[in-house]
Amino acid sequence: MSADLFSLRGKTILLTGGAGLYGRGLASMLADAGATLILAARDVAKLQAVAEQETAKGNQVFAESLDQGEEASVQALHDRVVSKHGPLDGLVNNAVLRPMKGANGGAAQFAESMRVNATGVMLMHHVFGKTMAGAGRGSIVNIGSIQGMIGPSYELYEGTAMGDMPPDYFFHKGGMANLTRFYAALYGPQGVRVNCLAPGGFFNHQPEPFLKRYCEHTMLGRMAHDTDLGGAVIFLLSDASRYITAVNLPVDGGYTAK
């Protein structure tokens, strides 16, 4: 099999987010794989800093403004991107808003979360996916979570200040997996594939008791690092995965299989 199948050279990819915990590593790896990469989020200044760092390496990276919870903002981003770059070859839905901080968060926080993380993700599929389908090509990759597949493991957090998990995250990441299947069925006949990635825990200097328990629960004995998601995302965006759609792929070191 030619290595070119795994290349993103010549492809225009939109990545929502791009400066956060997952996004920064994804931005670098997608750009290094040859994509013309567009980053979109509310904080354009942070994205512009990422774009400048990547451009200095010889990559083509651009920053755009997006409020994913506002339909007008999604449509405006679409129109700017298509005008400058043409129909997308790939879309990575990575942006997330975390207004709920724990189980006792109120209804207003839950509703705000859904505005961005549920309705907003639907809008990205509806607006960008329709144009990709019209062009007869494309791949959409949704960044979900293993928390959309399993319930919370409170025992991991004993003896730490962590563990007050919010219900909205579990709700919208579970819904994302089935939204992926819906749009895979809708857009598949027009040549657009839609898949979901379900990352496991991401190392972010958590307390030692949590780290020890979590790592023991994975088959690989560690949490994810910033270069662990990019390979799977590149694969799903590339021609190497051209017969793969509607998949929810765990990238979790074996956590959900143990």
Protein backbone atom coordinates (compact mmCIF):
# COMPACT_ATOMS: atom_id res chain seq x y z
CA MET A 1 0.00 0.00 0.00
CA SER A 2 1.38 3.40 -0.97
CA ALA A 3 2.29 5.76 1.86
CA ASP A 4 0.52 8.49 -0.16
CA LEU A 5 -2.78 6.99 0.99
CA PHE A 6 -1.99 8.27 4.49
CA SER A 7 -0.97 11.75 3.34
CA LEU A 8 -3.16 14.85 3.69
CA ARG A 9 -1.20 16.74 1.05
CA GLY A 10 -3.55 18.62 -1.25
CA LYS A 11 -6.43 18.37 1.23
CA THR A 12 -8.09 21.33 2.95
CA ILE A 13 -9.02 20.47 6.53
CA LEU A 14 -10.99 22.50 9.08
CA LEU A 15 -10.20 21.81 12.75
CA THR A 16 -12.42 23.44 15.35
CA GLY A 17 -10.42 24.31 18.42
CA GLY A 18 -6.73 23.97 17.80
CA ALA A 19 -5.13 25.62 20.82
CA GLY A 20 -6.45 23.48 23.66
CA LEU A 21 -5.60 20.18 25.32
CA TYR A 22 -6.35 17.99 22.29
CA GLY A 23 -6.34 20.65 19.62
CA ARG A 24 -2.76 21.87 19.74
CA GLY A 25 -1.31 18.41 19.14
CA LEU A 26 -3.85 17.71 16.40
CA ALA A 27 -3.09 21.02 14.69
CA SER A 28 0.61 20.25 14.51
CA MET A 29 0.18 16.67 13.28
CA LEU A 30 -2.44 17.52 10.64
CA ALA A 31 -0.31 20.36 9.33
CA ASP A 32 2.80 18.16 9.28
CA ALA A 33 0.82 15.57 7.28
CA GLY A 34 0.52 18.13 4.48
CA ALA A 35 -2.96 19.56 4.97
CA THR A 36 -3.91 23.12 4.29
CA LEU A 37 -5.28 23.57 7.80
CA ILE A 38 -7.89 26.04 8.99
CA LEU A 39 -8.32 26.46 12.74
CA ALA A 40 -11.58 27.91 14.06
CA ALA A 41 -12.65 28.94 17.56
CA ARG A 42 -13.85 31.93 19.55
CA ASP A 43 -10.36 32.97 20.70
CA VAL A 44 -8.77 33.85 17.38
CA ALA A 45 -5.69 35.33 19.03
CA LYS A 46 -4.71 31.93 20.46
CA LEU A 47 -5.32 30.29 17.09
CA GLN A 48 -3.29 32.94 15.31
CA ALA A 49 -0.35 32.18 17.59
CA VAL A 50 -0.63 28.49 16.67
CA ALA A 51 -0.91 29.36 12.98
CA GLU A 52 2.24 31.51 13.16
CA GLN A 53 4.18 28.73 14.90
CA GLU A 54 3.13 26.20 12.27
CA THR A 55 3.74 28.57 9.36
CA ALA A 56 7.29 29.10 10.66
CA LYS A 57 7.78 25.34 10.18
CA GLY A 58 6.67 25.62 6.55
CA ASN A 59 3.09 24.47 7.07
CA GLN A 60 -0.05 26.16 5.72
CA VAL A 61 -2.24 27.04 8.71
CA PHE A 62 -4.89 29.75 8.97
CA ALA A 63 -7.01 31.05 11.88
CA GLU A 64 -10.71 31.89 11.69
CA SER A 65 -13.37 33.04 14.15
CA LEU A 66 -16.18 30.68 15.19
CA ASP A 67 -18.86 30.68 17.86
CA GLN A 68 -20.08 27.13 17.35
CA GLY A 69 -23.29 27.70 19.29
CA GLU A 70 -24.47 30.43 16.91
CA GLU A 71 -25.91 29.34 13.55
CA ALA A 72 -24.99 32.66 11.92
CA SER A 73 -21.36 32.24 12.99
CA VAL A 74 -21.18 28.68 11.62
CA GLN A 75 -22.67 29.83 8.32
CA ALA A 76 -20.34 32.83 8.11
CA LEU A 77 -17.31 30.61 8.71
CA HIS A 78 -18.52 28.24 6.02
CA ASP A 79 -18.91 31.06 3.52
CA ARG A 80 -15.46 32.49 4.26
CA VAL A 81 -13.76 29.11 4.06
CA VAL A 82 -15.45 28.05 0.82
CA SER A 83 -14.74 31.45 -0.74
CA LYS A 84 -11.02 31.26 0.12
CA HIS A 85 -10.34 27.53 -0.18
CA GLY A 86 -13.28 25.81 -1.90
CA PRO A 87 -15.22 22.86 -0.44
CA LEU A 88 -13.48 21.14 2.44
CA ASP A 89 -11.87 17.74 2.10
CA GLY A 90 -12.04 17.18 5.85
CA LEU A 91 -13.65 18.51 9.01
CA VAL A 92 -12.56 17.70 12.56
CA ASN A 93 -15.14 18.63 15.19
CA ASN A 94 -12.94 19.13 18.24
CA ALA A 95 -14.27 22.30 19.89
CA VAL A 96 -16.01 21.86 23.24
CA LEU A 97 -17.47 24.16 25.90
CA ARG A 98 -17.39 23.06 29.54
CA PRO A 99 -19.80 25.33 31.50
CA MET A 100 -20.85 22.60 33.95
CA LYS A 101 -18.25 22.00 36.64
CA GLY A 102 -19.92 19.17 38.53
CA ALA A 103 -22.99 17.05 39.16
CA ASN A 104 -24.85 19.92 40.84
CA GLY A 105 -24.55 22.32 37.92
CA GLY A 106 -27.83 23.97 37.04
CA ALA A 107 -30.17 23.70 34.09
CA ALA A 108 -28.85 26.93 32.56
CA GLN A 109 -25.33 25.48 32.47
CA PHE A 110 -26.62 22.27 30.92
CA ALA A 111 -28.53 24.23 28.27
CA GLU A 112 -25.45 26.33 27.42
CA SER A 113 -23.41 23.15 27.06
CA MET A 114 -25.98 21.67 24.69
CA ARG A 115 -26.07 24.88 22.63
CA VAL A 116 -22.43 24.42 21.68
CA ASN A 117 -21.70 20.72 22.16
CA ALA A 118 -24.91 19.26 20.72
CA THR A 119 -26.72 21.83 18.57
CA GLY A 120 -23.43 23.36 17.48
CA VAL A 121 -21.96 20.03 16.39
CA MET A 122 -25.17 19.30 14.47
CA LEU A 123 -24.84 22.68 12.71
CA MET A 124 -21.26 21.91 11.66
CA HIS A 125 -22.43 18.67 10.04
CA HIS A 126 -25.45 20.32 8.46
CA VAL A 127 -23.69 23.37 7.02
CA PHE A 128 -20.26 22.00 6.07
CA GLY A 129 -21.36 18.42 5.39
CA LYS A 130 -23.96 19.53 2.87
CA THR A 131 -21.31 21.35 0.82
CA MET A 132 -18.94 18.41 1.05
CA ALA A 133 -21.72 16.11 -0.13
CA GLY A 134 -22.40 18.48 -3.02
CA ALA A 135 -18.75 18.18 -4.01
CA GLY A 136 -19.00 14.39 -3.77
CA ARG A 137 -16.13 13.91 -1.31
CA GLY A 138 -14.93 14.44 2.21
CA SER A 139 -14.34 13.01 5.66
CA ILE A 140 -15.74 14.28 8.96
CA VAL A 141 -14.07 13.19 12.20
CA ASN A 142 -15.79 13.92 15.51
CA ILE A 143 -13.67 14.01 18.67
CA GLY A 144 -15.81 12.21 21.23
CA SER A 145 -14.75 10.45 24.42
CA ILE A 146 -14.86 7.07 26.10
CA GLN A 147 -17.20 8.87 28.51
CA GLY A 148 -19.76 8.63 25.73
CA MET A 149 -19.44 4.84 25.93
CA ILE A 150 -19.18 4.15 29.67
CA GLY A 151 -20.35 5.58 32.96
CA PRO A 152 -18.17 7.51 35.42
CA SER A 153 -15.57 5.59 37.44
CA TYR A 154 -15.73 7.45 40.75
CA GLU A 155 -13.35 5.04 42.42
CA LEU A 156 -10.47 6.47 40.37
CA TYR A 157 -10.75 9.78 42.18
CA GLU A 158 -10.77 8.66 45.83
CA GLY A 159 -8.37 10.68 47.92
CA THR A 160 -8.21 13.57 45.41
CA ALA A 161 -10.08 16.84 44.91
CA MET A 162 -11.23 15.53 41.51
CA GLY A 163 -14.27 13.43 40.70
CA ASP A 164 -17.22 15.85 40.66
CA MET A 165 -18.09 14.99 37.07
CA PRO A 166 -20.75 16.91 35.13
CA PRO A 167 -23.61 15.05 33.40
CA ASP A 168 -23.57 17.18 30.25
CA TYR A 169 -20.25 15.75 29.04
CA PHE A 170 -21.52 12.18 29.21
CA PHE A 171 -24.75 13.21 27.49
CA HIS A 172 -23.28 15.03 24.51
CA LYS A 173 -20.36 12.64 23.95
CA GLY A 174 -22.79 9.70 23.94
CA GLY A 175 -25.02 11.58 21.53
CA MET A 176 -22.06 12.43 19.30
CA ALA A 177 -21.47 8.73 18.58
CA ASN A 178 -25.00 8.28 17.26
CA LEU A 179 -25.03 11.64 15.47
CA THR A 180 -21.96 10.31 13.66
CA ARG A 181 -23.95 7.29 12.49
CA PHE A 182 -26.83 9.50 11.37
CA TYR A 183 -24.70 11.73 9.15
CA ALA A 184 -22.66 8.78 7.90
CA ALA A 185 -25.92 7.31 6.58
CA LEU A 186 -27.15 10.63 5.21
CA TYR A 187 -23.96 11.69 3.42
CA GLY A 188 -22.49 8.29 2.55
CA PRO A 189 -24.18 8.01 -0.86
CA GLN A 190 -22.58 11.37 -1.78
CA GLY A 191 -19.07 10.17 -0.93
CA VAL A 192 -18.72 11.75 2.51
CA ARG A 193 -17.54 9.58 5.40
CA VAL A 194 -18.31 10.42 9.05
CA ASN A 195 -16.49 8.79 11.96
CA CYS A 196 -15.99 9.42 15.67
CA LEU A 197 -12.89 9.11 17.84
CA ALA A 198 -13.35 8.18 21.51
CA PRO A 199 -10.17 9.21 23.37
CA GLY A 200 -9.41 7.96 26.83
CA GLY A 201 -7.92 9.99 29.65
CA PHE A 202 -5.40 12.64 28.64
CA PHE A 203 -2.36 13.29 30.83
CA ASN A 204 -2.62 16.76 32.35
CA HIS A 205 -0.59 16.49 35.59
CA GLN A 206 -3.43 14.90 37.55
CA PRO A 207 -2.90 13.88 41.20
CA GLU A 208 -0.72 10.82 41.70
CA PRO A 209 -3.45 8.59 43.25
CA PHE A 210 -5.64 9.14 40.19
CA LEU A 211 -2.79 8.60 37.76
CA LYS A 212 -1.78 5.33 39.39
CA ARG A 213 -5.33 3.91 39.34
CA TYR A 214 -6.08 5.10 35.83
CA CYS A 215 -2.86 3.77 34.33
CA GLU A 216 -3.39 0.40 36.01
CA HIS A 217 -6.78 0.19 34.30
CA THR A 218 -5.32 0.60 30.81
CA MET A 219 -3.65 -2.23 28.93
CA LEU A 220 -0.76 0.05 27.91
CA GLY A 221 -0.22 1.32 31.44
CA ARG A 222 -0.43 5.04 30.73
CA MET A 223 -2.67 7.95 29.84
CA ALA A 224 -2.77 9.57 26.38
CA HIS A 225 -0.20 12.20 25.39
CA ASP A 226 -0.51 15.04 22.87
CA THR A 227 0.74 12.94 19.94
CA ASP A 228 -1.50 9.92 20.55
CA LEU A 229 -4.67 11.08 18.76
CA GLY A 230 -3.24 12.55 15.59
CA GLY A 231 -2.39 9.28 13.87
CA ALA A 232 -5.95 7.99 14.13
CA VAL A 233 -7.39 11.31 12.98
CA ILE A 234 -5.02 11.49 10.01
CA PHE A 235 -5.96 7.92 9.08
CA LEU A 236 -9.69 8.72 9.16
CA LEU A 237 -9.19 11.89 7.10
CA SER A 238 -6.95 10.19 4.55
CA ASP A 239 -7.70 7.98 1.57
CA ALA A 240 -6.34 5.01 3.55
CA SER A 241 -9.71 4.82 5.36
CA ARG A 242 -11.87 5.33 2.26
CA TYR A 243 -14.12 2.31 3.12
CA ILE A 244 -14.55 3.21 6.79
CA THR A 245 -17.56 5.19 7.98
CA ALA A 246 -19.96 5.35 10.97
CA VAL A 247 -17.24 3.99 13.31
CA ASN A 248 -16.77 5.05 16.94
CA LEU A 249 -13.08 4.27 17.46
CA PRO A 250 -11.70 4.07 21.02
CA VAL A 251 -8.19 5.51 21.35
CA ASP A 252 -7.79 4.70 25.01
CA GLY A 253 -4.88 2.35 25.57
CA GLY A 254 -7.33 -0.50 26.07
CA TYR A 255 -9.25 1.16 28.93
CA THR A 256 -12.74 0.26 27.68
CA ALA A 257 -11.71 -3.31 26.82
CA LYS A 258 -10.32 -4.22 30.22
